[in-house]
N, C-alpha and C. Protein backbone atom coordinates (compact mmCIF):
# COMPACT_ATOMS: atom_id res chain seq x y z
N MET A 1 0.63 -1.17 0.12
CA MET A 1 0.19 0.18 -0.16
C MET A 1 1.00 1.34 0.06
N LYS A 2 1.89 1.38 0.87
CA LYS A 2 2.76 2.38 1.00
C LYS A 2 3.30 2.70 -0.71
N THR A 3 3.67 1.66 -1.22
CA THR A 3 4.39 1.83 -2.68
C THR A 3 3.49 2.47 -3.63
N PHE A 4 2.21 1.70 -3.35
CA PHE A 4 0.98 2.81 -4.22
C PHE A 4 0.84 4.26 -4.08
N ILE A 5 0.99 4.39 -2.63
CA ILE A 5 0.66 5.72 -2.41
C ILE A 5 1.83 6.48 -3.00
N PHE A 6 3.06 6.17 -2.57
CA PHE A 6 4.44 6.66 -3.01
C PHE A 6 4.09 6.88 -4.64
N PHE A 7 3.73 5.96 -5.25
CA PHE A 7 3.64 6.04 -6.96
C PHE A 7 2.60 7.05 -7.39
N VAL A 8 1.61 7.33 -6.52
CA VAL A 8 0.36 8.23 -6.75
C VAL A 8 1.09 9.46 -6.97
N ALA A 9 1.61 9.71 -5.64
CA ALA A 9 2.30 10.99 -4.89
C ALA A 9 3.67 11.29 -6.27
N LEU A 10 4.23 10.57 -6.58
CA LEU A 10 5.41 10.68 -7.70
C LEU A 10 4.58 11.28 -8.88
N THR A 11 3.64 10.41 -9.38
CA THR A 11 3.03 10.69 -10.53
C THR A 11 2.53 12.23 -10.83
N ALA A 12 1.68 12.44 -9.35
CA ALA A 12 1.01 13.77 -9.41
C ALA A 12 2.34 14.79 -9.43
N LEU A 13 3.06 14.82 -8.39
CA LEU A 13 4.20 15.76 -8.63
C LEU A 13 4.89 15.75 -9.90
N LEU A 14 5.25 14.75 -10.81
CA LEU A 14 5.69 14.85 -12.02
C LEU A 14 4.77 15.65 -12.91
N ALA A 15 3.66 15.39 -12.97
CA ALA A 15 2.40 16.01 -13.50
C ALA A 15 2.54 17.37 -13.48
N PHE A 16 2.48 17.75 -12.09
CA PHE A 16 2.61 19.25 -11.78
C PHE A 16 4.02 20.18 -12.26
N VAL A 17 5.11 19.35 -12.19
CA VAL A 17 6.37 19.94 -12.87
C VAL A 17 6.22 20.00 -14.20
N VAL A 18 5.61 19.12 -15.02
CA VAL A 18 5.81 19.08 -16.46
C VAL A 18 4.68 20.33 -16.76
N ALA A 19 3.43 20.40 -16.31
CA ALA A 19 2.45 21.27 -16.80
C ALA A 19 2.58 22.34 -16.13
N GLY A 20 3.43 22.61 -14.76
CA GLY A 20 3.48 24.16 -14.90
C GLY A 20 2.31 24.46 -13.72
N PRO A 21 2.53 25.79 -12.89
CA PRO A 21 1.42 26.05 -11.85
C PRO A 21 0.28 26.19 -12.65
N ALA A 22 -0.90 26.16 -12.16
CA ALA A 22 -2.00 26.93 -12.75
C ALA A 22 -2.32 28.10 -13.07
N GLY A 23 -1.58 28.63 -12.43
CA GLY A 23 -1.85 30.26 -12.49
C GLY A 23 -0.67 30.54 -13.31
N ALA A 24 0.14 29.82 -14.17
CA ALA A 24 0.99 30.46 -15.02
C ALA A 24 0.85 31.20 -16.14
N ALA A 25 1.40 32.49 -16.64
CA ALA A 25 0.72 33.51 -17.56
C ALA A 25 1.38 32.74 -18.90
N LYS A 26 -0.04 33.10 -19.74
CA LYS A 26 0.44 32.35 -21.24
C LYS A 26 1.05 33.42 -21.89
N PRO A 27 2.06 32.87 -23.16
CA PRO A 27 2.58 33.97 -23.60
C PRO A 27 1.81 34.84 -24.36
N LYS A 28 2.37 36.16 -24.49
CA LYS A 28 1.54 37.43 -25.04
C LYS A 28 2.12 37.56 -26.24
N SER A 29 1.32 38.13 -27.28
CA SER A 29 1.44 38.47 -28.40
C SER A 29 2.40 39.59 -28.41
N PRO A 30 3.41 39.80 -29.48
CA PRO A 30 4.16 41.21 -29.33
C PRO A 30 3.29 42.33 -29.45
N THR A 31 3.93 43.31 -28.91
CA THR A 31 3.27 44.60 -29.26
C THR A 31 3.45 45.35 -30.29
N VAL A 32 2.92 46.36 -30.87
CA VAL A 32 2.98 47.01 -32.20
C VAL A 32 4.71 47.38 -32.27
N ALA A 33 4.96 48.03 -31.35
CA ALA A 33 6.45 48.56 -31.27
C ALA A 33 7.56 47.57 -31.36
N GLN A 34 7.34 46.46 -30.87
CA GLN A 34 8.05 45.00 -30.92
C GLN A 34 7.72 44.74 -32.28
N PHE A 35 6.89 44.48 -32.59
CA PHE A 35 6.27 43.88 -34.19
C PHE A 35 7.15 44.85 -35.12
N LYS A 36 7.24 46.06 -34.95
CA LYS A 36 8.02 46.93 -35.95
C LYS A 36 9.39 46.87 -35.92
N ALA A 37 10.06 46.80 -34.62
CA ALA A 37 11.20 46.21 -34.36
C ALA A 37 11.90 44.96 -35.00
N LEU A 38 11.05 44.16 -34.95
CA LEU A 38 11.25 43.02 -35.49
C LEU A 38 11.22 42.75 -37.14
N SER A 39 10.24 43.46 -37.44
CA SER A 39 9.88 43.78 -38.99
C SER A 39 11.48 44.72 -39.60
N LYS A 40 11.69 45.60 -38.86
CA LYS A 40 12.95 46.20 -39.14
C LYS A 40 14.27 45.35 -39.21
N LYS A 41 14.20 44.45 -38.33
CA LYS A 41 15.48 43.68 -38.41
C LYS A 41 15.44 42.53 -39.52
N VAL A 42 14.40 41.95 -39.39
CA VAL A 42 14.09 40.99 -40.74
C VAL A 42 14.41 41.74 -41.84
N THR A 43 14.10 42.66 -42.49
CA THR A 43 14.39 43.48 -43.57
C THR A 43 15.92 43.52 -43.52
N THR A 44 16.53 44.26 -42.55
CA THR A 44 18.14 44.42 -42.51
C THR A 44 18.62 42.87 -42.63
N LEU A 45 18.29 41.85 -41.92
CA LEU A 45 19.06 40.56 -42.10
C LEU A 45 18.63 40.07 -43.76
N GLN A 46 17.52 40.50 -44.58
CA GLN A 46 17.37 39.73 -45.83
C GLN A 46 18.41 40.60 -46.85
N LYS A 47 18.63 42.06 -46.64
CA LYS A 47 19.38 42.64 -47.31
C LYS A 47 20.92 42.30 -46.98
N GLN A 48 21.09 41.85 -45.74
CA GLN A 48 22.40 41.34 -45.53
C GLN A 48 22.55 39.98 -46.50
N GLU A 49 21.53 39.14 -46.26
CA GLU A 49 21.66 37.87 -46.92
C GLU A 49 21.64 38.07 -48.39
N LYS A 50 21.04 38.95 -49.11
CA LYS A 50 21.26 39.13 -50.36
C LYS A 50 22.64 39.79 -50.54
N GLN A 51 23.35 40.48 -49.78
CA GLN A 51 24.73 40.87 -50.08
C GLN A 51 25.59 39.74 -50.35
N ILE A 52 25.45 38.98 -49.30
CA ILE A 52 26.28 37.77 -49.13
C ILE A 52 26.14 36.73 -50.26
N GLU A 53 24.84 36.47 -50.80
CA GLU A 53 24.65 35.70 -51.91
C GLU A 53 25.49 36.68 -53.17
N ASN A 54 25.13 37.65 -53.07
CA ASN A 54 25.65 38.43 -54.37
C ASN A 54 27.57 37.99 -54.19
N ALA A 55 27.84 38.39 -53.19
CA ALA A 55 29.17 38.35 -53.07
C ALA A 55 29.95 36.94 -53.14
N LEU A 56 28.97 35.49 -52.76
CA LEU A 56 29.36 34.41 -53.06
C LEU A 56 29.12 34.17 -54.54
N ASN A 57 28.35 34.70 -55.44
CA ASN A 57 28.22 34.33 -56.81
C ASN A 57 29.60 35.29 -57.47
N PHE A 58 30.04 36.41 -56.99
CA PHE A 58 30.94 36.91 -57.58
C PHE A 58 32.13 36.06 -57.41
N LEU A 59 32.57 35.69 -56.01
CA LEU A 59 33.67 34.98 -56.02
C LEU A 59 33.36 33.71 -56.89
N ALA A 60 32.56 32.82 -56.90
CA ALA A 60 32.39 31.58 -57.51
C ALA A 60 32.76 32.13 -58.96
N ALA A 61 32.38 32.79 -59.80
CA ALA A 61 32.70 33.39 -60.93
C ALA A 61 34.08 33.62 -61.09
N TYR A 62 34.54 34.40 -60.16
CA TYR A 62 35.85 34.89 -60.14
C TYR A 62 36.53 33.64 -59.90
N ASP A 63 36.43 32.66 -59.06
CA ASP A 63 37.38 31.35 -59.08
C ASP A 63 37.29 30.64 -60.35
N VAL A 64 36.03 30.46 -61.31
CA VAL A 64 35.87 29.76 -62.19
C VAL A 64 36.97 30.44 -63.53
N CYS A 65 36.93 31.70 -63.36
CA CYS A 65 37.80 32.39 -64.14
C CYS A 65 39.28 32.32 -63.94
N LEU A 66 39.61 32.46 -62.82
CA LEU A 66 40.78 32.35 -62.50
C LEU A 66 41.45 30.72 -62.80
N THR A 67 40.72 29.59 -62.31
CA THR A 67 40.99 28.43 -63.09
C THR A 67 41.09 28.20 -64.03
N ALA A 68 40.27 28.73 -65.18
CA ALA A 68 40.30 28.72 -66.57
C ALA A 68 41.51 29.30 -66.97
N ALA A 69 42.03 30.33 -66.42
CA ALA A 69 43.16 31.20 -66.80
C ALA A 69 44.50 30.67 -66.67
N THR A 70 44.25 29.86 -65.46
CA THR A 70 45.72 29.18 -64.61
C THR A 70 45.66 27.98 -65.84
N ALA A 71 44.59 26.98 -66.12
CA ALA A 71 44.97 26.05 -66.95
C ALA A 71 45.19 26.51 -68.54
N ASP A 72 44.76 27.74 -68.95
CA ASP A 72 45.38 28.09 -70.26
C ASP A 72 46.81 28.33 -70.06
N ALA A 73 47.43 28.85 -68.83
CA ALA A 73 48.57 29.58 -68.84
C ALA A 73 49.45 28.10 -68.87
N LEU A 74 49.13 27.33 -68.02
CA LEU A 74 49.75 25.93 -67.75
C LEU A 74 50.14 25.15 -69.22
N GLN A 75 49.11 25.14 -70.04
CA GLN A 75 48.54 24.11 -70.91
C GLN A 75 49.62 24.96 -72.26
N GLY A 76 49.19 26.36 -72.23
CA GLY A 76 50.27 27.12 -72.96
C GLY A 76 51.56 27.19 -72.83
N THR A 77 52.04 26.95 -71.89
CA THR A 77 53.58 26.46 -71.15
C THR A 77 54.13 25.65 -72.30
N TRP A 78 53.29 24.41 -71.48
CA TRP A 78 53.64 23.05 -72.33
C TRP A 78 53.35 23.26 -73.69
N ILE A 79 52.55 23.82 -74.29
CA ILE A 79 52.41 23.78 -75.70
C ILE A 79 53.69 24.60 -76.44
N PHE A 80 54.09 25.81 -75.91
CA PHE A 80 54.91 26.44 -76.16
C PHE A 80 56.26 25.75 -76.22
N THR A 81 56.48 25.00 -74.91
CA THR A 81 57.77 24.54 -74.98
C THR A 81 58.04 23.21 -75.65
N ASN A 82 57.03 22.49 -76.09
CA ASN A 82 56.95 21.50 -77.12
C ASN A 82 57.48 22.07 -78.34
N LYS A 83 57.02 23.13 -78.91
CA LYS A 83 57.39 23.88 -79.91
C LYS A 83 58.84 24.06 -80.15
N ALA A 84 59.67 24.14 -79.43
CA ALA A 84 60.68 24.68 -79.22
C ALA A 84 61.69 23.10 -79.38
N ALA A 85 61.11 22.27 -78.58
CA ALA A 85 61.80 20.94 -78.54
C ALA A 85 61.66 20.30 -79.71
N PRO A 86 62.98 19.65 -79.92
CA PRO A 86 62.99 18.54 -81.15
C PRO A 86 61.96 17.38 -81.32
N THR A 87 61.70 16.67 -79.99
CA THR A 87 60.43 15.95 -79.80
C THR A 87 59.71 16.42 -78.46
N PRO A 88 58.48 16.11 -78.69
CA PRO A 88 57.65 16.66 -77.42
C PRO A 88 57.98 16.35 -76.10
N ILE A 89 58.18 17.41 -75.16
CA ILE A 89 58.71 17.25 -73.84
C ILE A 89 57.25 16.81 -73.04
N PHE A 90 56.23 17.27 -73.46
CA PHE A 90 54.92 16.85 -72.92
C PHE A 90 54.18 16.50 -73.97
N PRO A 91 54.01 15.05 -73.82
CA PRO A 91 53.41 14.71 -74.64
C PRO A 91 51.66 14.94 -74.60
N GLY A 92 50.94 14.97 -75.72
CA GLY A 92 49.53 15.11 -75.80
C GLY A 92 49.26 16.73 -75.48
N THR A 93 50.23 17.53 -75.77
CA THR A 93 49.82 18.90 -75.39
C THR A 93 50.28 19.53 -76.66
N SER A 94 50.33 18.96 -77.90
CA SER A 94 50.66 19.89 -79.18
C SER A 94 49.83 20.80 -79.72
N THR A 95 48.95 20.65 -79.39
CA THR A 95 47.75 21.62 -80.19
C THR A 95 46.97 22.70 -78.89
N GLY A 96 46.60 23.50 -79.40
CA GLY A 96 45.84 24.62 -78.05
C GLY A 96 44.24 24.06 -78.34
N THR A 97 43.65 23.04 -78.59
CA THR A 97 42.42 22.85 -78.91
C THR A 97 41.83 22.47 -77.35
N GLY A 98 42.48 22.16 -76.39
CA GLY A 98 42.24 21.60 -75.03
C GLY A 98 41.73 22.38 -73.79
N SER A 99 41.69 23.61 -74.24
CA SER A 99 41.31 24.94 -73.44
C SER A 99 40.07 24.34 -72.61
N ILE A 100 39.87 24.86 -71.18
CA ILE A 100 38.57 24.02 -70.47
C ILE A 100 37.40 25.50 -70.61
N ASN A 101 36.23 25.24 -70.46
CA ASN A 101 35.15 26.05 -70.35
C ASN A 101 34.89 26.85 -69.32
N ASP A 102 35.02 28.15 -69.23
CA ASP A 102 35.16 29.22 -68.11
C ASP A 102 33.44 29.49 -67.93
N LEU A 103 32.80 29.03 -68.44
CA LEU A 103 31.29 29.05 -68.36
C LEU A 103 31.04 30.63 -68.49
N GLN A 104 31.79 31.53 -69.03
CA GLN A 104 31.62 32.67 -69.54
C GLN A 104 31.92 33.91 -68.11
N ALA A 105 32.47 33.04 -67.37
CA ALA A 105 32.88 33.86 -66.46
C ALA A 105 34.09 35.02 -66.50
N CYS A 106 35.00 34.65 -67.48
CA CYS A 106 35.96 35.67 -67.76
C CYS A 106 35.06 36.73 -68.52
N SER A 107 34.38 36.43 -69.31
CA SER A 107 33.81 37.64 -70.17
C SER A 107 32.69 38.39 -69.37
N ALA A 108 32.32 37.68 -68.42
CA ALA A 108 31.62 38.67 -67.28
C ALA A 108 32.10 39.70 -66.68
N PHE A 109 33.80 39.29 -66.42
CA PHE A 109 34.46 40.35 -65.90
C PHE A 109 35.35 41.26 -67.14
N LYS A 110 34.66 40.99 -68.17
CA LYS A 110 35.21 41.52 -69.36
C LYS A 110 36.83 41.46 -69.60
N ILE A 111 37.38 40.17 -69.11
CA ILE A 111 38.88 39.80 -69.31
C ILE A 111 39.01 38.70 -70.31
N PRO A 112 39.79 39.41 -71.36
CA PRO A 112 40.03 38.45 -72.44
C PRO A 112 41.03 37.08 -72.10
N ARG A 113 40.69 35.84 -72.50
CA ARG A 113 41.52 34.96 -72.06
C ARG A 113 42.63 34.51 -72.98
N GLN A 114 43.66 33.95 -72.47
CA GLN A 114 44.66 33.98 -73.57
C GLN A 114 44.66 31.98 -73.96
N LEU A 115 44.07 32.05 -74.97
CA LEU A 115 43.90 30.52 -74.89
C LEU A 115 45.45 30.05 -75.21
N PRO A 116 45.44 28.73 -75.30
CA PRO A 116 46.92 27.96 -75.48
C PRO A 116 47.03 28.02 -77.01
N SER A 117 48.23 28.35 -77.46
CA SER A 117 48.60 28.46 -78.69
C SER A 117 50.35 28.06 -78.96
N THR A 118 50.77 27.70 -80.27
CA THR A 118 51.85 27.50 -80.47
C THR A 118 52.35 28.46 -80.91
N GLU A 119 51.62 29.61 -81.14
CA GLU A 119 51.74 30.89 -82.01
C GLU A 119 52.40 31.95 -81.00
N THR A 120 51.66 32.03 -79.61
CA THR A 120 51.78 32.81 -78.65
C THR A 120 52.55 32.38 -77.19
N ALA A 121 53.68 32.84 -76.83
CA ALA A 121 53.93 32.33 -75.33
C ALA A 121 53.01 32.90 -74.48
N PRO A 122 52.89 32.19 -73.43
CA PRO A 122 51.69 32.68 -72.31
C PRO A 122 52.25 33.57 -71.72
N THR A 123 51.32 34.83 -71.20
CA THR A 123 51.65 36.00 -70.50
C THR A 123 50.88 35.94 -69.19
N THR A 124 51.24 37.00 -68.37
CA THR A 124 50.66 37.14 -66.97
C THR A 124 49.42 38.10 -67.45
N ALA A 125 49.17 38.56 -68.61
CA ALA A 125 48.15 39.69 -68.68
C ALA A 125 46.83 39.48 -67.74
N VAL A 126 46.08 38.15 -67.85
CA VAL A 126 45.15 37.69 -67.71
C VAL A 126 45.22 37.52 -66.04
N PHE A 127 46.13 37.18 -65.39
CA PHE A 127 46.02 37.48 -64.17
C PHE A 127 46.40 38.86 -63.64
N SER A 128 47.03 39.72 -64.27
CA SER A 128 46.99 40.90 -63.88
C SER A 128 45.49 41.59 -63.79
N ALA A 129 44.77 41.13 -64.93
CA ALA A 129 43.38 41.75 -64.88
C ALA A 129 42.68 41.22 -63.95
N LEU A 130 42.72 40.14 -63.34
CA LEU A 130 42.12 39.65 -62.28
C LEU A 130 42.32 40.21 -60.83
N THR A 131 43.50 40.57 -60.85
CA THR A 131 44.12 41.18 -59.83
C THR A 131 43.56 42.64 -59.84
N ASN A 132 43.72 43.27 -60.93
CA ASN A 132 43.40 44.59 -60.93
C ASN A 132 41.30 44.96 -60.48
N ILE A 133 40.91 43.65 -60.37
CA ILE A 133 39.42 43.95 -60.18
C ILE A 133 39.17 44.34 -58.72
N PHE A 134 40.24 44.15 -57.81
CA PHE A 134 40.42 44.47 -56.34
C PHE A 134 40.88 45.92 -56.13
N SER A 135 41.52 46.36 -57.19
CA SER A 135 42.02 47.70 -56.88
C SER A 135 41.26 48.76 -57.19
C-alpha cells in the first residue's frame, strides 16, 4: 500500500512539474512597437543575406575564371615548350584545342583569356586583369 501511495504522489508531482503551476501566464503577442522592431530587423537581415549571396556569386565566378586562366597558362607553357623542342617534352599537348570552359565567367568580368597556342607564348596579362578587379 505504501508503494502505491508513493507512486500516486510521485505521478502527481511529475504532472505538476511538467504542466507548470495553474496560474502560469500564457505567452503574450508582441506589441506593435516590438513587431515593428522585429520587422525592421528582418528587413536588415534579408538585405545582408542578399549581399552575401551576391558576394558568393561574384567569388564563384572569379574562381572559375581564375581556374580557366591558370589552365590556359599551364597548357600554353607546355605547348610553347613543345614547339621549341625537337621531340615533345609534354606529350599530348601539341595543339591548343584543349582549353577548358570558363562558363563565360571571364567575359562577365570583361577579361579576355589567352588560349593556349603554338604561336603565342603565355603571359601574365589575364592574371593582372583578375588582380586589378580588387584595386
